[in-house]
């Protein structure tokens, strides 16, 4: 009975993390749009051209609220092995650092964040934290979620294919961002795709989709 309860709790945690990851880009975008439309506007046209989820930190609390919640859940995640705990805790710490050390954009002041660091210094820590965040989440999807029994069910084989696709998708998005290919809101779009892969991976792990669950 206790084991079943523990398994259900793990599923809820995974589904919570996945849901938060998938909804973050769109809630942040909606918040930024509402500020632009009804809150006096965003005094920088470049903001939308170079839109990123990180930049919405300065105009809406969505990033701070959602990512902080997801980071805390990741840090409190209790996996099957010590390795699981360490990697999810590290990813949670990186997620929290993304919030604590904001990025540099056209609407950022000279000093930013909880520690009021120069924005250029904060930006470096922010980028490093974001890269580590997605690298850790990719690793978890590729190498932890795919672990299992010696004779996996057909559903487990399908789930593993999804985990691998999501892990590779996050890595591909990470690689694509610095490429010299430019289009409006490029960073936001790529981040949203990466977070969608992240969310799907965790939702499948949490068996939110009954189609992929073991019978």
N, C-alpha and C. Protein backbone atom coordinates (compact mmCIF):
# COMPACT_ATOMS: atom_id res chain seq x y z
N UNK A 1 0.83 -1.21 0.00
CA UNK A 1 0.00 0.00 0.00
C UNK A 1 0.86 1.25 0.00
N UNK A 2 1.90 1.26 0.84
CA UNK A 2 2.81 2.40 0.91
C UNK A 2 3.56 2.57 -0.39
N UNK A 3 3.97 1.43 -1.00
CA UNK A 3 4.70 1.48 -2.26
C UNK A 3 3.83 2.08 -3.36
N UNK A 4 2.56 1.66 -3.41
CA UNK A 4 1.64 2.18 -4.42
C UNK A 4 1.43 3.68 -4.23
N UNK A 5 1.31 4.10 -2.98
CA UNK A 5 1.13 5.52 -2.68
C UNK A 5 2.35 6.32 -3.11
N UNK A 6 3.53 5.75 -2.87
CA UNK A 6 4.78 6.42 -3.26
C UNK A 6 4.86 6.56 -4.77
N UNK A 7 4.45 5.51 -5.50
CA UNK A 7 4.49 5.55 -6.95
C UNK A 7 3.53 6.61 -7.50
N UNK A 8 2.37 6.71 -6.89
CA UNK A 8 1.39 7.72 -7.33
C UNK A 8 1.93 9.13 -7.07
N UNK A 9 2.60 9.30 -5.94
CA UNK A 9 3.19 10.60 -5.62
C UNK A 9 4.26 10.97 -6.63
N UNK A 10 5.10 9.99 -7.02
CA UNK A 10 6.14 10.25 -8.03
C UNK A 10 5.51 10.66 -9.36
N UNK A 11 4.43 10.00 -9.73
CA UNK A 11 3.75 10.34 -10.99
C UNK A 11 3.25 11.78 -10.95
N UNK A 12 2.68 12.17 -9.81
CA UNK A 12 2.17 13.54 -9.69
C UNK A 12 3.29 14.56 -9.78
N UNK A 13 4.42 14.25 -9.16
CA UNK A 13 5.57 15.16 -9.22
C UNK A 13 6.04 15.31 -10.66
N UNK A 14 6.18 14.19 -11.35
CA UNK A 14 6.64 14.23 -12.74
C UNK A 14 5.67 15.00 -13.62
N UNK A 15 4.38 14.76 -13.43
CA UNK A 15 3.38 15.46 -14.23
C UNK A 15 3.37 16.96 -13.93
N UNK A 16 3.60 17.31 -12.67
CA UNK A 16 3.66 18.73 -12.30
C UNK A 16 4.83 19.41 -13.00
N UNK A 17 5.99 18.76 -12.96
CA UNK A 17 7.18 19.33 -13.61
C UNK A 17 6.93 19.47 -15.11
N UNK A 18 6.38 18.43 -15.72
CA UNK A 18 6.13 18.47 -17.16
C UNK A 18 5.14 19.56 -17.54
N UNK A 19 4.07 19.68 -16.76
CA UNK A 19 3.06 20.70 -17.03
C UNK A 19 3.64 22.10 -16.91
N UNK A 20 4.41 22.33 -15.87
CA UNK A 20 5.02 23.66 -15.66
C UNK A 20 5.96 24.00 -16.82
N UNK A 21 6.75 23.02 -17.24
CA UNK A 21 7.68 23.27 -18.35
C UNK A 21 6.96 23.63 -19.64
N UNK A 22 5.89 22.91 -19.94
CA UNK A 22 5.18 23.14 -21.20
C UNK A 22 4.40 24.45 -21.21
N UNK A 23 3.89 24.87 -20.06
CA UNK A 23 3.06 26.07 -20.03
C UNK A 23 3.87 27.36 -19.84
N UNK A 24 5.10 27.24 -19.34
CA UNK A 24 5.91 28.44 -19.07
C UNK A 24 6.01 29.39 -20.25
N UNK A 25 6.39 28.94 -21.47
CA UNK A 25 6.56 29.90 -22.57
C UNK A 25 5.29 30.69 -22.87
N UNK A 26 4.16 30.01 -22.83
CA UNK A 26 2.92 30.65 -23.27
C UNK A 26 2.34 31.57 -22.21
N UNK A 27 2.50 31.22 -20.94
CA UNK A 27 2.07 32.12 -19.88
C UNK A 27 2.96 33.36 -19.84
N UNK A 28 4.27 33.16 -20.05
CA UNK A 28 5.20 34.29 -20.09
C UNK A 28 4.88 35.20 -21.27
N UNK A 29 4.59 34.60 -22.43
CA UNK A 29 4.25 35.39 -23.62
C UNK A 29 2.95 36.15 -23.40
N UNK A 30 1.96 35.49 -22.83
CA UNK A 30 0.68 36.14 -22.57
C UNK A 30 0.85 37.30 -21.61
N UNK A 31 1.65 37.10 -20.56
CA UNK A 31 1.90 38.17 -19.60
C UNK A 31 2.58 39.36 -20.24
N UNK A 32 3.58 39.09 -21.08
CA UNK A 32 4.28 40.19 -21.77
C UNK A 32 3.34 40.93 -22.72
N UNK A 33 2.47 40.17 -23.39
CA UNK A 33 1.51 40.80 -24.31
C UNK A 33 0.53 41.70 -23.54
N UNK A 34 0.05 41.22 -22.40
CA UNK A 34 -0.90 42.00 -21.62
C UNK A 34 -0.26 43.29 -21.11
N UNK A 35 1.00 43.22 -20.70
CA UNK A 35 1.70 44.43 -20.27
C UNK A 35 1.85 45.40 -21.43
N UNK A 36 2.20 44.83 -22.59
CA UNK A 36 2.36 45.68 -23.77
C UNK A 36 1.05 46.32 -24.20
N UNK A 37 -0.04 45.58 -24.06
CA UNK A 37 -1.33 46.04 -24.55
C UNK A 37 -2.03 46.97 -23.56
N UNK A 38 -1.97 46.63 -22.27
CA UNK A 38 -2.78 47.35 -21.29
C UNK A 38 -1.97 47.98 -20.16
N UNK A 39 -0.68 47.71 -20.10
CA UNK A 39 0.11 48.22 -18.98
C UNK A 39 1.04 49.34 -19.34
N UNK A 40 0.75 50.05 -20.41
CA UNK A 40 1.60 51.17 -20.80
C UNK A 40 2.62 50.82 -21.86
N UNK A 41 2.63 49.56 -22.29
CA UNK A 41 3.53 49.17 -23.37
C UNK A 41 4.93 48.85 -22.89
N UNK A 42 5.68 48.20 -23.76
CA UNK A 42 7.09 47.90 -23.50
C UNK A 42 7.92 48.87 -24.33
N UNK A 43 8.66 49.78 -23.68
CA UNK A 43 9.34 50.87 -24.40
C UNK A 43 10.59 50.43 -25.15
N UNK A 44 10.44 49.39 -25.97
CA UNK A 44 11.60 48.92 -26.73
C UNK A 44 11.11 47.95 -27.80
N UNK A 45 11.14 48.40 -29.07
CA UNK A 45 10.68 47.54 -30.16
C UNK A 45 11.58 46.31 -30.32
N UNK A 46 12.85 46.47 -29.95
CA UNK A 46 13.79 45.36 -30.07
C UNK A 46 13.40 44.20 -29.15
N UNK A 47 12.66 44.52 -28.10
CA UNK A 47 12.23 43.48 -27.15
C UNK A 47 11.49 42.37 -27.87
N UNK A 48 10.57 42.73 -28.75
CA UNK A 48 9.78 41.72 -29.44
C UNK A 48 10.58 41.04 -30.54
N UNK A 49 11.43 41.78 -31.19
CA UNK A 49 12.25 41.20 -32.26
C UNK A 49 13.19 40.14 -31.71
N UNK A 50 13.76 40.42 -30.53
CA UNK A 50 14.70 39.49 -29.90
C UNK A 50 14.06 38.79 -28.69
N UNK A 51 12.76 38.58 -28.77
CA UNK A 51 12.03 38.03 -27.64
C UNK A 51 12.60 36.69 -27.17
N UNK A 52 12.74 36.57 -25.86
CA UNK A 52 13.11 35.30 -25.23
C UNK A 52 12.28 35.15 -23.97
N UNK A 53 12.16 33.93 -23.49
CA UNK A 53 11.43 33.70 -22.25
C UNK A 53 12.13 34.44 -21.11
N UNK A 54 13.46 34.44 -21.14
CA UNK A 54 14.22 35.11 -20.08
C UNK A 54 13.93 36.60 -20.03
N UNK A 55 13.75 37.22 -21.20
CA UNK A 55 13.51 38.67 -21.25
C UNK A 55 12.18 39.05 -20.63
N UNK A 56 11.21 38.12 -20.61
CA UNK A 56 9.91 38.43 -20.03
C UNK A 56 9.99 38.61 -18.51
N UNK A 57 11.12 38.22 -17.91
CA UNK A 57 11.36 38.41 -16.48
C UNK A 57 11.10 39.85 -16.06
N UNK A 58 11.42 40.80 -16.94
CA UNK A 58 11.34 42.23 -16.60
C UNK A 58 9.94 42.82 -16.73
N UNK A 59 9.02 42.08 -17.33
CA UNK A 59 7.69 42.67 -17.57
C UNK A 59 6.55 41.83 -17.00
N UNK A 60 6.79 40.60 -16.59
CA UNK A 60 5.74 39.75 -16.04
C UNK A 60 6.35 38.76 -15.04
N UNK A 61 5.62 38.41 -13.99
CA UNK A 61 6.17 37.49 -12.99
C UNK A 61 6.09 36.01 -13.39
N UNK A 62 5.67 35.71 -14.61
CA UNK A 62 5.46 34.32 -15.02
C UNK A 62 6.73 33.49 -14.90
N UNK A 63 7.83 33.99 -15.43
CA UNK A 63 9.09 33.23 -15.39
C UNK A 63 9.50 32.95 -13.95
N UNK A 64 9.46 33.99 -13.12
CA UNK A 64 9.87 33.83 -11.72
C UNK A 64 8.99 32.82 -11.00
N UNK A 65 7.68 32.96 -11.14
CA UNK A 65 6.76 32.07 -10.43
C UNK A 65 6.82 30.63 -10.89
N UNK A 66 6.75 30.43 -12.20
CA UNK A 66 6.67 29.07 -12.74
C UNK A 66 8.00 28.35 -12.65
N UNK A 67 9.08 29.01 -13.06
CA UNK A 67 10.37 28.34 -13.06
C UNK A 67 10.87 28.09 -11.64
N UNK A 68 10.60 29.02 -10.73
CA UNK A 68 10.98 28.79 -9.33
C UNK A 68 10.23 27.59 -8.76
N UNK A 69 8.95 27.49 -9.06
CA UNK A 69 8.17 26.34 -8.60
C UNK A 69 8.71 25.04 -9.16
N UNK A 70 8.97 25.03 -10.48
CA UNK A 70 9.51 23.82 -11.11
C UNK A 70 10.88 23.46 -10.54
N UNK A 71 11.71 24.48 -10.28
CA UNK A 71 13.05 24.24 -9.74
C UNK A 71 12.97 23.61 -8.34
N UNK A 72 12.07 24.12 -7.52
CA UNK A 72 11.91 23.58 -6.16
C UNK A 72 11.42 22.13 -6.22
N UNK A 73 10.48 21.86 -7.12
CA UNK A 73 9.97 20.50 -7.27
C UNK A 73 11.10 19.57 -7.71
N UNK A 74 11.92 20.02 -8.65
CA UNK A 74 13.05 19.20 -9.11
C UNK A 74 14.04 18.94 -7.98
N UNK A 75 14.29 19.96 -7.17
CA UNK A 75 15.24 19.79 -6.06
C UNK A 75 14.70 18.84 -4.99
N UNK A 76 13.38 18.77 -4.87
CA UNK A 76 12.77 17.89 -3.87
C UNK A 76 12.44 16.51 -4.44
N UNK A 77 12.70 16.30 -5.72
CA UNK A 77 12.36 15.04 -6.38
C UNK A 77 13.14 13.89 -5.77
N UNK A 78 12.45 12.81 -5.46
CA UNK A 78 13.07 11.63 -4.84
C UNK A 78 13.03 10.49 -5.84
N UNK A 79 14.15 10.27 -6.54
CA UNK A 79 14.20 9.25 -7.57
C UNK A 79 14.48 7.87 -7.01
N UNK A 80 14.77 6.94 -7.93
CA UNK A 80 15.00 5.56 -7.53
C UNK A 80 16.41 5.36 -6.96
N UNK A 81 17.37 6.15 -7.45
CA UNK A 81 18.75 6.00 -7.03
C UNK A 81 19.33 7.36 -6.67
N UNK A 82 20.48 7.34 -6.01
CA UNK A 82 21.16 8.57 -5.63
C UNK A 82 21.47 9.42 -6.86
N UNK A 83 21.86 8.77 -7.96
CA UNK A 83 22.18 9.49 -9.19
C UNK A 83 20.99 10.31 -9.68
N UNK A 84 19.80 9.71 -9.58
CA UNK A 84 18.58 10.43 -9.98
C UNK A 84 18.41 11.69 -9.13
N UNK A 85 18.58 11.52 -7.83
CA UNK A 85 18.40 12.65 -6.90
C UNK A 85 19.40 13.77 -7.18
N UNK A 86 20.66 13.38 -7.43
CA UNK A 86 21.71 14.38 -7.66
C UNK A 86 21.44 15.17 -8.93
N UNK A 87 21.10 14.46 -10.01
CA UNK A 87 20.90 15.13 -11.29
C UNK A 87 19.66 16.02 -11.29
N UNK A 88 18.58 15.55 -10.69
CA UNK A 88 17.38 16.39 -10.65
C UNK A 88 17.59 17.59 -9.71
N UNK A 89 18.33 17.38 -8.62
CA UNK A 89 18.62 18.50 -7.73
C UNK A 89 19.48 19.54 -8.43
N UNK A 90 20.49 19.09 -9.15
CA UNK A 90 21.35 20.03 -9.90
C UNK A 90 20.55 20.79 -10.95
N UNK A 91 19.66 20.09 -11.63
CA UNK A 91 18.84 20.78 -12.65
C UNK A 91 17.93 21.80 -11.98
N UNK A 92 17.42 21.47 -10.79
CA UNK A 92 16.60 22.44 -10.05
C UNK A 92 17.40 23.65 -9.63
N UNK A 93 18.63 23.43 -9.17
CA UNK A 93 19.51 24.55 -8.78
C UNK A 93 19.77 25.44 -9.99
N UNK A 94 20.04 24.83 -11.14
CA UNK A 94 20.27 25.62 -12.37
C UNK A 94 19.04 26.42 -12.75
N UNK A 95 17.86 25.79 -12.61
CA UNK A 95 16.61 26.51 -12.91
C UNK A 95 16.43 27.70 -11.99
N UNK A 96 16.75 27.53 -10.72
CA UNK A 96 16.64 28.62 -9.76
C UNK A 96 17.63 29.74 -10.08
N UNK A 97 18.83 29.37 -10.51
CA UNK A 97 19.84 30.37 -10.86
C UNK A 97 19.44 31.18 -12.09
N UNK A 98 18.67 30.56 -12.99
CA UNK A 98 18.16 31.30 -14.16
C UNK A 98 17.30 32.48 -13.69
N UNK A 99 16.54 32.25 -12.62
CA UNK A 99 15.68 33.30 -12.07
C UNK A 99 16.49 34.30 -11.24
N UNK A 100 17.41 33.81 -10.44
CA UNK A 100 18.18 34.68 -9.55
C UNK A 100 19.14 35.60 -10.30
N UNK A 101 19.58 35.16 -11.47
CA UNK A 101 20.54 35.95 -12.27
C UNK A 101 19.92 36.24 -13.64
N UNK A 102 19.17 37.35 -13.74
CA UNK A 102 18.46 37.66 -14.98
C UNK A 102 19.39 37.95 -16.16
N UNK A 103 18.81 37.87 -17.35
CA UNK A 103 19.59 38.11 -18.58
C UNK A 103 19.68 39.60 -18.89
N UNK A 104 20.48 39.90 -19.88
CA UNK A 104 20.61 41.27 -20.39
C UNK A 104 19.72 41.42 -21.61
N UNK A 105 18.88 42.43 -21.62
CA UNK A 105 18.07 42.73 -22.79
C UNK A 105 17.80 44.23 -22.83
N UNK A 106 17.04 44.67 -23.82
CA UNK A 106 16.87 46.11 -24.03
C UNK A 106 16.09 46.80 -22.92
N UNK A 107 15.39 46.06 -22.08
CA UNK A 107 14.62 46.69 -21.00
C UNK A 107 15.25 46.45 -19.63
N UNK A 108 16.41 45.83 -19.58
CA UNK A 108 17.03 45.54 -18.28
C UNK A 108 17.78 46.76 -17.76
N UNK A 109 17.76 46.99 -16.44
CA UNK A 109 18.53 48.08 -15.84
C UNK A 109 20.02 47.70 -15.75
N UNK A 110 20.81 48.59 -15.20
CA UNK A 110 22.25 48.34 -15.11
C UNK A 110 22.58 47.27 -14.09
N UNK A 111 21.81 47.19 -13.01
CA UNK A 111 22.02 46.17 -11.99
C UNK A 111 20.72 45.38 -11.82
N UNK A 112 20.85 44.08 -11.73
CA UNK A 112 19.65 43.24 -11.79
C UNK A 112 19.69 42.12 -10.76
N UNK A 113 18.53 41.55 -10.51
CA UNK A 113 18.42 40.35 -9.70
C UNK A 113 18.49 40.59 -8.21
N UNK A 114 18.36 39.50 -7.48
CA UNK A 114 18.38 39.55 -6.02
C UNK A 114 19.69 40.14 -5.49
N UNK A 115 20.79 39.85 -6.18
CA UNK A 115 22.11 40.28 -5.72
C UNK A 115 22.56 41.59 -6.34
N UNK A 116 21.72 42.18 -7.19
CA UNK A 116 22.00 43.48 -7.83
C UNK A 116 23.40 43.50 -8.47
N UNK A 117 23.67 42.47 -9.24
CA UNK A 117 24.93 42.40 -9.98
C UNK A 117 24.83 43.26 -11.23
N UNK A 118 25.98 43.71 -11.77
CA UNK A 118 25.95 44.35 -13.09
C UNK A 118 25.29 43.41 -14.09
N UNK A 119 24.48 43.95 -14.95
CA UNK A 119 23.67 43.10 -15.83
C UNK A 119 24.52 42.20 -16.71
N UNK A 120 25.70 42.67 -17.14
CA UNK A 120 26.55 41.85 -17.99
C UNK A 120 27.08 40.63 -17.24
N UNK A 121 27.39 40.80 -15.96
CA UNK A 121 27.86 39.68 -15.14
C UNK A 121 26.71 38.69 -14.90
N UNK A 122 25.55 39.23 -14.57
CA UNK A 122 24.37 38.40 -14.35
C UNK A 122 24.03 37.61 -15.61
N UNK A 123 24.18 38.24 -16.75
CA UNK A 123 23.84 37.61 -18.02
C UNK A 123 24.71 36.37 -18.26
N UNK A 124 25.98 36.46 -17.95
CA UNK A 124 26.90 35.32 -18.15
C UNK A 124 26.47 34.14 -17.27
N UNK A 125 26.16 34.42 -16.00
CA UNK A 125 25.71 33.37 -15.09
C UNK A 125 24.38 32.78 -15.57
N UNK A 126 23.50 33.66 -16.05
CA UNK A 126 22.19 33.25 -16.56
C UNK A 126 22.34 32.27 -17.72
N UNK A 127 23.17 32.62 -18.69
CA UNK A 127 23.36 31.77 -19.87
C UNK A 127 23.98 30.43 -19.48
N UNK A 128 25.00 30.47 -18.62
CA UNK A 128 25.65 29.23 -18.17
C UNK A 128 24.65 28.33 -17.44
N UNK A 129 23.80 28.94 -16.61
CA UNK A 129 22.80 28.17 -15.87
C UNK A 129 21.77 27.55 -16.82
N UNK A 130 21.34 28.31 -17.83
CA UNK A 130 20.35 27.81 -18.78
C UNK A 130 20.91 26.64 -19.59
N UNK A 131 22.18 26.76 -20.01
CA UNK A 131 22.80 25.68 -20.78
C UNK A 131 22.90 24.41 -19.92
N UNK A 132 23.35 24.56 -18.70
CA UNK A 132 23.46 23.41 -17.79
C UNK A 132 22.08 22.81 -17.49
N UNK A 133 21.09 23.67 -17.36
CA UNK A 133 19.71 23.23 -17.10
C UNK A 133 19.23 22.29 -18.19
N UNK A 134 19.37 22.70 -19.45
CA UNK A 134 18.89 21.87 -20.55
C UNK A 134 19.78 20.65 -20.79
N UNK A 135 21.08 20.78 -20.55
CA UNK A 135 21.96 19.62 -20.68
C UNK A 135 21.58 18.54 -19.66
N UNK A 136 21.31 18.95 -18.43
CA UNK A 136 20.93 17.99 -17.40
C UNK A 136 19.58 17.35 -17.71
N UNK A 137 18.63 18.16 -18.16
CA UNK A 137 17.31 17.62 -18.49
C UNK A 137 17.39 16.67 -19.68
N UNK A 138 18.26 16.98 -20.64
CA UNK A 138 18.46 16.09 -21.78
C UNK A 138 19.03 14.76 -21.32
N UNK A 139 20.04 14.83 -20.45
CA UNK A 139 20.67 13.62 -19.93
C UNK A 139 19.65 12.76 -19.17
N UNK A 140 18.83 13.40 -18.35
CA UNK A 140 17.82 12.67 -17.59
C UNK A 140 16.87 11.94 -18.53
N UNK A 141 16.43 12.62 -19.58
CA UNK A 141 15.51 12.03 -20.53
C UNK A 141 16.15 10.88 -21.31
N UNK A 142 17.41 11.08 -21.70
CA UNK A 142 18.09 10.10 -22.55
C UNK A 142 18.57 8.87 -21.76
N UNK A 143 19.07 9.08 -20.56
CA UNK A 143 19.79 8.01 -19.87
C UNK A 143 19.16 7.53 -18.56
N UNK A 144 18.30 8.34 -17.94
CA UNK A 144 17.65 7.90 -16.72
C UNK A 144 16.25 7.37 -16.99
N UNK A 145 15.47 8.13 -17.76
CA UNK A 145 14.10 7.70 -18.04
C UNK A 145 14.05 6.42 -18.87
N UNK A 146 15.11 6.17 -19.65
CA UNK A 146 15.11 4.99 -20.52
C UNK A 146 15.54 3.71 -19.80
N UNK A 147 16.01 3.86 -18.56
CA UNK A 147 16.41 2.68 -17.80
C UNK A 147 15.17 1.86 -17.45
N UNK A 148 15.36 0.56 -17.28
CA UNK A 148 14.22 -0.27 -16.92
C UNK A 148 14.56 -1.73 -16.88
N UNK A 149 13.54 -2.54 -17.00
CA UNK A 149 13.69 -3.99 -16.90
C UNK A 149 14.39 -4.55 -18.13
N UNK A 150 14.88 -5.80 -17.98
CA UNK A 150 15.60 -6.46 -19.07
C UNK A 150 14.68 -6.80 -20.23
N UNK A 151 13.44 -7.11 -19.92
CA UNK A 151 12.47 -7.45 -20.97
C UNK A 151 11.33 -6.44 -20.96
N UNK A 152 11.57 -5.27 -21.58
CA UNK A 152 10.57 -4.19 -21.53
C UNK A 152 9.31 -4.54 -22.31
N UNK A 153 8.20 -4.01 -21.83
CA UNK A 153 6.93 -4.16 -22.55
C UNK A 153 6.96 -3.30 -23.81
N UNK A 154 5.99 -3.50 -24.67
CA UNK A 154 5.88 -2.68 -25.87
C UNK A 154 5.66 -1.22 -25.51
N UNK A 155 4.90 -0.99 -24.44
CA UNK A 155 4.65 0.38 -23.99
C UNK A 155 5.95 1.03 -23.51
N UNK A 156 6.77 0.26 -22.79
CA UNK A 156 8.05 0.79 -22.32
C UNK A 156 8.96 1.11 -23.50
N UNK A 157 8.96 0.27 -24.50
CA UNK A 157 9.77 0.54 -25.70
C UNK A 157 9.32 1.83 -26.37
N UNK A 158 8.01 2.04 -26.42
CA UNK A 158 7.47 3.27 -27.02
C UNK A 158 7.86 4.48 -26.18
N UNK A 159 7.75 4.34 -24.85
CA UNK A 159 8.14 5.45 -23.98
C UNK A 159 9.62 5.78 -24.16
N UNK A 160 10.45 4.77 -24.28
CA UNK A 160 11.88 5.02 -24.46
C UNK A 160 12.16 5.80 -25.74
N UNK A 161 11.42 5.47 -26.79
CA UNK A 161 11.58 6.22 -28.05
C UNK A 161 11.20 7.69 -27.85
N UNK A 162 10.16 7.92 -27.08
CA UNK A 162 9.74 9.30 -26.80
C UNK A 162 10.80 10.02 -25.96
N UNK A 163 11.33 9.34 -24.93
CA UNK A 163 12.37 9.95 -24.10
C UNK A 163 13.59 10.32 -24.94
N UNK A 164 13.99 9.43 -25.81
CA UNK A 164 15.18 9.68 -26.66
C UNK A 164 14.91 10.84 -27.60
N UNK A 165 13.72 10.85 -28.20
CA UNK A 165 13.36 11.95 -29.11
C UNK A 165 13.37 13.28 -28.36
N UNK A 166 12.82 13.30 -27.15
CA UNK A 166 12.76 14.53 -26.36
C UNK A 166 14.16 14.97 -25.94
N UNK A 167 14.99 14.03 -25.52
CA UNK A 167 16.35 14.37 -25.13
C UNK A 167 17.15 14.96 -26.28
N UNK A 168 17.05 14.33 -27.45
CA UNK A 168 17.75 14.83 -28.64
C UNK A 168 17.17 16.17 -29.06
N UNK A 169 15.85 16.31 -28.94
CA UNK A 169 15.19 17.57 -29.30
C UNK A 169 15.68 18.73 -28.46
N UNK A 170 15.84 18.50 -27.16
CA UNK A 170 16.37 19.55 -26.29
C UNK A 170 17.80 19.92 -26.65
N UNK A 171 18.61 18.91 -26.94
CA UNK A 171 20.00 19.18 -27.34
C UNK A 171 20.05 19.93 -28.67
N UNK A 172 19.22 19.53 -29.61
CA UNK A 172 19.19 20.21 -30.92
C UNK A 172 18.78 21.67 -30.77
N UNK A 173 17.81 21.93 -29.91
CA UNK A 173 17.37 23.31 -29.67
C UNK A 173 18.51 24.13 -29.06
N UNK A 174 19.23 23.51 -28.14
CA UNK A 174 20.34 24.20 -27.48
C UNK A 174 21.43 24.56 -28.49
N UNK A 175 21.69 23.66 -29.43
CA UNK A 175 22.71 23.88 -30.45
C UNK A 175 22.25 24.93 -31.45
N UNK A 176 20.94 24.96 -31.73
CA UNK A 176 20.41 25.86 -32.75
C UNK A 176 20.47 27.32 -32.35
N UNK A 177 20.33 27.61 -31.05
CA UNK A 177 20.24 29.00 -30.59
C UNK A 177 21.43 29.86 -31.04
N UNK A 178 22.70 29.39 -30.87
CA UNK A 178 23.82 30.27 -31.27
C UNK A 178 24.12 30.27 -32.77
N UNK A 179 23.44 29.45 -33.56
CA UNK A 179 23.71 29.43 -35.00
C UNK A 179 23.32 30.77 -35.63
N UNK A 180 24.07 31.21 -36.64
CA UNK A 180 23.79 32.51 -37.28
C UNK A 180 22.59 32.46 -38.21
N UNK A 181 21.48 32.02 -37.69
CA UNK A 181 20.22 31.98 -38.44
C UNK A 181 19.26 32.89 -37.68
N UNK A 182 18.78 33.92 -38.35
CA UNK A 182 18.02 34.95 -37.64
C UNK A 182 16.59 35.06 -38.17
N UNK A 183 15.65 35.11 -37.27
CA UNK A 183 14.26 35.39 -37.59
C UNK A 183 13.62 35.94 -36.32
N UNK A 184 12.51 36.67 -36.44
CA UNK A 184 11.90 37.31 -35.26
C UNK A 184 11.57 36.32 -34.16
N UNK A 185 11.90 36.70 -32.91
CA UNK A 185 11.61 35.88 -31.73
C UNK A 185 12.24 34.49 -31.82
N UNK A 186 13.37 34.40 -32.48
CA UNK A 186 14.04 33.10 -32.67
C UNK A 186 14.27 32.39 -31.34
N UNK A 187 14.84 33.13 -30.37
CA UNK A 187 15.20 32.49 -29.10
C UNK A 187 13.96 31.98 -28.37
N UNK A 188 12.91 32.79 -28.38
CA UNK A 188 11.67 32.36 -27.72
C UNK A 188 11.13 31.09 -28.35
N UNK A 189 11.09 31.05 -29.66
CA UNK A 189 10.54 29.88 -30.37
C UNK A 189 11.34 28.63 -30.06
N UNK A 190 12.67 28.75 -30.11
CA UNK A 190 13.52 27.59 -29.85
C UNK A 190 13.40 27.16 -28.38
N UNK A 191 13.35 28.13 -27.47
CA UNK A 191 13.17 27.80 -26.04
C UNK A 191 11.84 27.09 -25.81
N UNK A 192 10.80 27.58 -26.49
CA UNK A 192 9.47 26.97 -26.33
C UNK A 192 9.47 25.53 -26.83
N UNK A 193 10.18 25.29 -27.93
CA UNK A 193 10.28 23.92 -28.47
C UNK A 193 11.03 23.03 -27.47
N UNK A 194 12.14 23.54 -26.94
CA UNK A 194 12.93 22.76 -25.98
C UNK A 194 12.11 22.43 -24.73
N UNK A 195 11.36 23.41 -24.23
CA UNK A 195 10.53 23.19 -23.04
C UNK A 195 9.36 22.25 -23.33
N UNK A 196 8.89 22.25 -24.56
CA UNK A 196 7.84 21.31 -24.95
C UNK A 196 8.37 19.88 -24.91
N UNK A 197 9.57 19.68 -25.45
CA UNK A 197 10.20 18.35 -25.37
C UNK A 197 10.39 17.95 -23.91
N UNK A 198 10.86 18.88 -23.10
CA UNK A 198 11.05 18.63 -21.67
C UNK A 198 9.74 18.22 -21.02
N UNK A 199 8.69 18.98 -21.30
CA UNK A 199 7.39 18.70 -20.70
C UNK A 199 6.83 17.35 -21.12
N UNK A 200 6.93 17.04 -22.40
CA UNK A 200 6.42 15.75 -22.90
C UNK A 200 7.15 14.60 -22.22
N UNK A 201 8.47 14.71 -22.12
CA UNK A 201 9.27 13.66 -21.50
C UNK A 201 8.80 13.37 -20.08
N UNK A 202 8.60 14.43 -19.29
CA UNK A 202 8.20 14.24 -17.90
C UNK A 202 6.75 13.80 -17.78
N UNK A 203 5.89 14.27 -18.66
CA UNK A 203 4.49 13.84 -18.62
C UNK A 203 4.36 12.36 -18.99
N UNK A 204 5.15 11.92 -19.96
CA UNK A 204 5.14 10.50 -20.32
C UNK A 204 5.68 9.67 -19.16
N UNK A 205 6.74 10.17 -18.52
CA UNK A 205 7.30 9.47 -17.36
C UNK A 205 6.28 9.40 -16.23
N UNK A 206 5.47 10.42 -16.10
CA UNK A 206 4.44 10.45 -15.07
C UNK A 206 3.16 9.72 -15.48
N UNK A 207 3.20 9.11 -16.69
CA UNK A 207 2.08 8.34 -17.21
C UNK A 207 0.81 9.17 -17.31
N UNK A 208 0.99 10.43 -17.71
CA UNK A 208 -0.16 11.31 -17.92
C UNK A 208 -0.96 10.86 -19.14
N UNK A 209 -0.28 10.16 -20.05
CA UNK A 209 -0.95 9.66 -21.26
C UNK A 209 -1.14 8.15 -21.09
N UNK A 210 -2.37 7.73 -20.86
CA UNK A 210 -2.65 6.32 -20.60
C UNK A 210 -2.25 5.39 -21.73
N UNK A 211 -2.18 5.94 -22.96
CA UNK A 211 -1.83 5.14 -24.12
C UNK A 211 -0.46 4.49 -23.98
N UNK A 212 0.47 5.19 -23.29
CA UNK A 212 1.85 4.71 -23.18
C UNK A 212 2.13 3.99 -21.86
N UNK A 213 1.13 3.89 -21.00
CA UNK A 213 1.32 3.26 -19.69
C UNK A 213 1.26 1.74 -19.83
N UNK A 214 2.00 1.05 -18.98
CA UNK A 214 1.96 -0.41 -18.98
C UNK A 214 0.57 -0.89 -18.56
N UNK A 215 0.10 -1.91 -19.25
CA UNK A 215 -1.24 -2.44 -18.97
C UNK A 215 -1.22 -3.31 -17.69
